[in-house]
Amino acid sequence: MLALRSSCEHCNVPLSPESGEAMICSFECTFCITCVTELLKEVCPNCGGGFEKRPVRPKELLIKYPASTTVVHKPVAIVAHHKTIKA
């Protein structure tokens, strides 16, 4: 089950469980859409994979399966990240 992390790993902007701005990779690394498109160039800095829009969990299921409250804040070294992206 997705953890529904509460913020962008890079910029730490809050991402509510119903946010349409949350993007995840196949390992559930979580970033906001702005960081994904403008800074990360659609490549996950942790695993090298791509991103998809994070699904929204229905409100009635959030009661039984709440979103994570753990903050994962690991700002990306953008210049180094761009050097690892294959052109």
N, C-alpha and C. Protein backbone atom coordinates (compact mmCIF):
# COMPACT_ATOMS: atom_id res chain seq x y z
N MET A 1 0.84 -1.17 0.00
CA MET A 1 0.00 0.00 0.00
C MET A 1 0.89 1.23 0.00
N LEU A 2 0.52 2.23 -0.78
CA LEU A 2 1.29 3.47 -0.85
C LEU A 2 1.28 4.19 0.49
N ALA A 3 2.43 4.74 0.84
CA ALA A 3 2.53 5.47 2.10
C ALA A 3 1.88 6.85 2.02
N LEU A 4 1.75 7.41 0.82
CA LEU A 4 1.23 8.76 0.63
C LEU A 4 2.04 9.74 1.48
N ARG A 5 3.29 9.85 1.14
CA ARG A 5 4.20 10.74 1.88
C ARG A 5 3.68 12.17 1.86
N SER A 6 4.01 12.88 2.93
CA SER A 6 3.37 14.17 3.17
C SER A 6 4.02 15.39 2.54
N SER A 7 5.18 15.20 1.88
CA SER A 7 5.84 16.37 1.29
C SER A 7 6.80 15.95 0.18
N CYS A 8 7.23 16.95 -0.59
CA CYS A 8 8.22 16.75 -1.65
C CYS A 8 9.58 16.50 -1.01
N GLU A 9 10.27 15.47 -1.47
CA GLU A 9 11.58 15.14 -0.92
C GLU A 9 12.60 16.25 -1.18
N HIS A 10 12.44 17.01 -2.26
CA HIS A 10 13.41 18.05 -2.58
C HIS A 10 13.09 19.38 -1.90
N CYS A 11 11.93 19.95 -2.19
CA CYS A 11 11.63 21.30 -1.71
C CYS A 11 10.80 21.33 -0.43
N ASN A 12 10.33 20.16 0.00
CA ASN A 12 9.58 20.01 1.25
C ASN A 12 8.20 20.67 1.23
N VAL A 13 7.69 21.00 0.06
CA VAL A 13 6.34 21.57 -0.03
C VAL A 13 5.34 20.49 0.43
N PRO A 14 4.34 20.87 1.21
CA PRO A 14 3.35 19.88 1.67
C PRO A 14 2.57 19.27 0.50
N LEU A 15 2.32 17.97 0.58
CA LEU A 15 1.54 17.25 -0.42
C LEU A 15 0.48 16.45 0.32
N SER A 16 -0.72 16.97 0.36
CA SER A 16 -1.81 16.30 1.05
C SER A 16 -2.16 15.00 0.33
N PRO A 17 -2.85 14.09 1.01
CA PRO A 17 -3.23 12.82 0.37
C PRO A 17 -4.06 13.01 -0.90
N GLU A 18 -4.81 14.11 -0.98
CA GLU A 18 -5.65 14.34 -2.16
C GLU A 18 -4.98 15.24 -3.20
N SER A 19 -3.72 15.58 -2.99
CA SER A 19 -3.01 16.49 -3.89
C SER A 19 -2.84 15.90 -5.28
N GLY A 20 -3.13 16.71 -6.27
CA GLY A 20 -2.88 16.35 -7.66
C GLY A 20 -1.48 16.75 -8.09
N GLU A 21 -0.70 17.30 -7.17
CA GLU A 21 0.65 17.77 -7.46
C GLU A 21 1.72 16.75 -7.08
N ALA A 22 1.33 15.64 -6.47
CA ALA A 22 2.30 14.64 -6.01
C ALA A 22 2.66 13.67 -7.13
N MET A 23 3.96 13.44 -7.29
CA MET A 23 4.47 12.50 -8.29
C MET A 23 5.31 11.46 -7.55
N ILE A 24 5.25 10.20 -8.02
CA ILE A 24 6.03 9.13 -7.40
C ILE A 24 6.73 8.30 -8.48
N CYS A 25 7.84 7.68 -8.07
CA CYS A 25 8.52 6.72 -8.95
C CYS A 25 8.09 5.31 -8.51
N SER A 26 8.67 4.29 -9.10
CA SER A 26 8.26 2.92 -8.76
C SER A 26 8.69 2.51 -7.36
N PHE A 27 9.61 3.27 -6.74
CA PHE A 27 10.02 3.00 -5.36
C PHE A 27 9.31 3.92 -4.38
N GLU A 28 8.36 4.69 -4.87
CA GLU A 28 7.54 5.61 -4.09
C GLU A 28 8.29 6.84 -3.60
N CYS A 29 9.42 7.16 -4.23
CA CYS A 29 10.06 8.44 -3.96
C CYS A 29 9.02 9.49 -4.34
N THR A 30 8.84 10.51 -3.53
CA THR A 30 7.75 11.46 -3.72
C THR A 30 8.28 12.88 -3.91
N PHE A 31 7.86 13.49 -5.01
CA PHE A 31 8.26 14.86 -5.33
C PHE A 31 7.04 15.61 -5.85
N CYS A 32 7.09 16.93 -5.75
CA CYS A 32 6.00 17.74 -6.33
C CYS A 32 6.20 17.82 -7.84
N ILE A 33 5.14 18.11 -8.54
CA ILE A 33 5.19 18.15 -10.00
C ILE A 33 6.14 19.23 -10.50
N THR A 34 6.28 20.33 -9.77
CA THR A 34 7.20 21.39 -10.18
C THR A 34 8.64 20.91 -10.15
N CYS A 35 9.04 20.26 -9.07
CA CYS A 35 10.40 19.73 -8.98
C CYS A 35 10.65 18.66 -10.05
N VAL A 36 9.67 17.79 -10.26
CA VAL A 36 9.82 16.71 -11.25
C VAL A 36 10.03 17.28 -12.65
N THR A 37 9.20 18.23 -13.04
CA THR A 37 9.28 18.73 -14.42
C THR A 37 10.38 19.76 -14.63
N GLU A 38 10.55 20.67 -13.68
CA GLU A 38 11.48 21.77 -13.89
C GLU A 38 12.90 21.48 -13.42
N LEU A 39 13.07 20.73 -12.35
CA LEU A 39 14.40 20.50 -11.81
C LEU A 39 14.95 19.10 -12.09
N LEU A 40 14.12 18.10 -11.90
CA LEU A 40 14.58 16.72 -12.03
C LEU A 40 14.50 16.18 -13.45
N LYS A 41 13.84 16.92 -14.33
CA LYS A 41 13.71 16.54 -15.75
C LYS A 41 13.11 15.15 -15.92
N GLU A 42 12.11 14.85 -15.05
CA GLU A 42 11.33 13.60 -15.13
C GLU A 42 12.14 12.35 -14.77
N VAL A 43 13.30 12.49 -14.14
CA VAL A 43 14.14 11.35 -13.77
C VAL A 43 14.33 11.35 -12.25
N CYS A 44 14.01 10.25 -11.61
CA CYS A 44 14.15 10.15 -10.16
C CYS A 44 15.63 10.17 -9.77
N PRO A 45 16.02 11.07 -8.88
CA PRO A 45 17.42 11.14 -8.49
C PRO A 45 17.86 9.98 -7.60
N ASN A 46 16.92 9.24 -7.06
CA ASN A 46 17.24 8.12 -6.18
C ASN A 46 17.42 6.80 -6.93
N CYS A 47 16.56 6.55 -7.92
CA CYS A 47 16.61 5.26 -8.61
C CYS A 47 16.83 5.37 -10.12
N GLY A 48 16.71 6.58 -10.67
CA GLY A 48 16.90 6.76 -12.11
C GLY A 48 15.67 6.46 -12.94
N GLY A 49 14.58 6.10 -12.30
CA GLY A 49 13.34 5.79 -13.01
C GLY A 49 12.52 7.04 -13.31
N GLY A 50 11.38 6.81 -13.93
CA GLY A 50 10.48 7.90 -14.27
C GLY A 50 9.44 8.12 -13.18
N PHE A 51 8.58 9.09 -13.41
CA PHE A 51 7.54 9.45 -12.45
C PHE A 51 6.16 9.30 -13.04
N GLU A 52 5.20 9.07 -12.16
CA GLU A 52 3.78 9.05 -12.50
C GLU A 52 3.04 9.87 -11.44
N LYS A 53 1.87 10.34 -11.79
CA LYS A 53 1.04 11.06 -10.82
C LYS A 53 0.64 10.07 -9.73
N ARG A 54 0.76 10.52 -8.48
CA ARG A 54 0.40 9.64 -7.36
C ARG A 54 -1.12 9.52 -7.29
N PRO A 55 -1.63 8.30 -7.17
CA PRO A 55 -3.08 8.12 -7.06
C PRO A 55 -3.63 8.74 -5.77
N VAL A 56 -4.88 9.08 -5.79
CA VAL A 56 -5.55 9.64 -4.62
C VAL A 56 -6.31 8.52 -3.93
N ARG A 57 -6.10 8.39 -2.63
CA ARG A 57 -6.82 7.39 -1.84
C ARG A 57 -8.17 7.99 -1.44
N PRO A 58 -9.26 7.27 -1.66
CA PRO A 58 -10.58 7.79 -1.27
C PRO A 58 -10.62 8.16 0.21
N LYS A 59 -11.33 9.25 0.51
CA LYS A 59 -11.38 9.77 1.88
C LYS A 59 -11.83 8.73 2.89
N GLU A 60 -12.79 7.88 2.53
CA GLU A 60 -13.27 6.88 3.48
C GLU A 60 -12.19 5.84 3.81
N LEU A 61 -11.26 5.62 2.89
CA LEU A 61 -10.16 4.68 3.16
C LEU A 61 -9.01 5.33 3.92
N LEU A 62 -8.92 6.66 3.86
CA LEU A 62 -7.88 7.36 4.63
C LEU A 62 -8.08 7.19 6.13
N ILE A 63 -9.31 6.97 6.54
CA ILE A 63 -9.59 6.74 7.96
C ILE A 63 -8.95 5.43 8.41
N LYS A 64 -9.13 4.39 7.62
CA LYS A 64 -8.58 3.07 7.95
C LYS A 64 -7.10 2.96 7.60
N TYR A 65 -6.71 3.60 6.49
CA TYR A 65 -5.33 3.55 6.00
C TYR A 65 -4.81 4.97 5.82
N PRO A 66 -4.42 5.62 6.91
CA PRO A 66 -4.01 7.03 6.83
C PRO A 66 -2.70 7.23 6.07
N ALA A 67 -2.53 8.45 5.59
CA ALA A 67 -1.30 8.83 4.91
C ALA A 67 -0.16 8.89 5.92
N SER A 68 1.04 8.73 5.43
CA SER A 68 2.23 8.81 6.29
C SER A 68 2.39 10.23 6.82
N THR A 69 2.90 10.33 8.03
CA THR A 69 3.23 11.63 8.60
C THR A 69 4.74 11.82 8.67
N THR A 70 5.48 10.82 8.24
CA THR A 70 6.94 10.89 8.23
C THR A 70 7.40 11.77 7.08
N VAL A 71 8.22 12.75 7.39
CA VAL A 71 8.76 13.65 6.36
C VAL A 71 10.09 13.11 5.87
N VAL A 72 10.20 12.96 4.55
CA VAL A 72 11.45 12.56 3.91
C VAL A 72 11.93 13.79 3.15
N HIS A 73 12.91 14.48 3.70
CA HIS A 73 13.42 15.70 3.06
C HIS A 73 14.89 15.51 2.76
N LYS A 74 15.19 15.24 1.48
CA LYS A 74 16.56 15.01 1.02
C LYS A 74 16.78 15.86 -0.23
N PRO A 75 17.07 17.16 -0.07
CA PRO A 75 17.26 18.01 -1.24
C PRO A 75 18.27 17.41 -2.21
N VAL A 76 17.95 17.51 -3.48
CA VAL A 76 18.77 16.93 -4.55
C VAL A 76 19.85 17.92 -4.97
N ALA A 77 21.04 17.42 -5.19
CA ALA A 77 22.12 18.23 -5.78
C ALA A 77 21.81 18.29 -7.29
N ILE A 78 21.14 19.33 -7.69
CA ILE A 78 20.60 19.41 -9.05
C ILE A 78 21.68 19.33 -10.13
N VAL A 79 22.78 20.05 -9.99
CA VAL A 79 23.83 20.02 -11.01
C VAL A 79 24.37 18.60 -11.17
N ALA A 80 24.64 17.93 -10.07
CA ALA A 80 25.13 16.55 -10.12
C ALA A 80 24.08 15.62 -10.73
N HIS A 81 22.80 15.85 -10.39
CA HIS A 81 21.72 15.03 -10.94
C HIS A 81 21.66 15.18 -12.46
N HIS A 82 21.76 16.40 -12.96
CA HIS A 82 21.70 16.62 -14.41
C HIS A 82 22.84 15.93 -15.13
N LYS A 83 24.00 15.81 -14.49
CA LYS A 83 25.13 15.13 -15.10
C LYS A 83 24.91 13.63 -15.23
N THR A 84 24.03 13.07 -14.39
CA THR A 84 23.75 11.63 -14.44
C THR A 84 22.67 11.27 -15.43
N ILE A 85 21.91 12.26 -15.88
CA ILE A 85 20.83 12.00 -16.83
C ILE A 85 21.42 11.78 -18.22
N LYS A 86 21.05 10.67 -18.83
CA LYS A 86 21.53 10.36 -20.18
C LYS A 86 20.82 11.24 -21.19
N ALA A 87 21.56 11.84 -22.05
CA ALA A 87 21.00 12.73 -23.07
C ALA A 87 20.39 11.97 -24.21
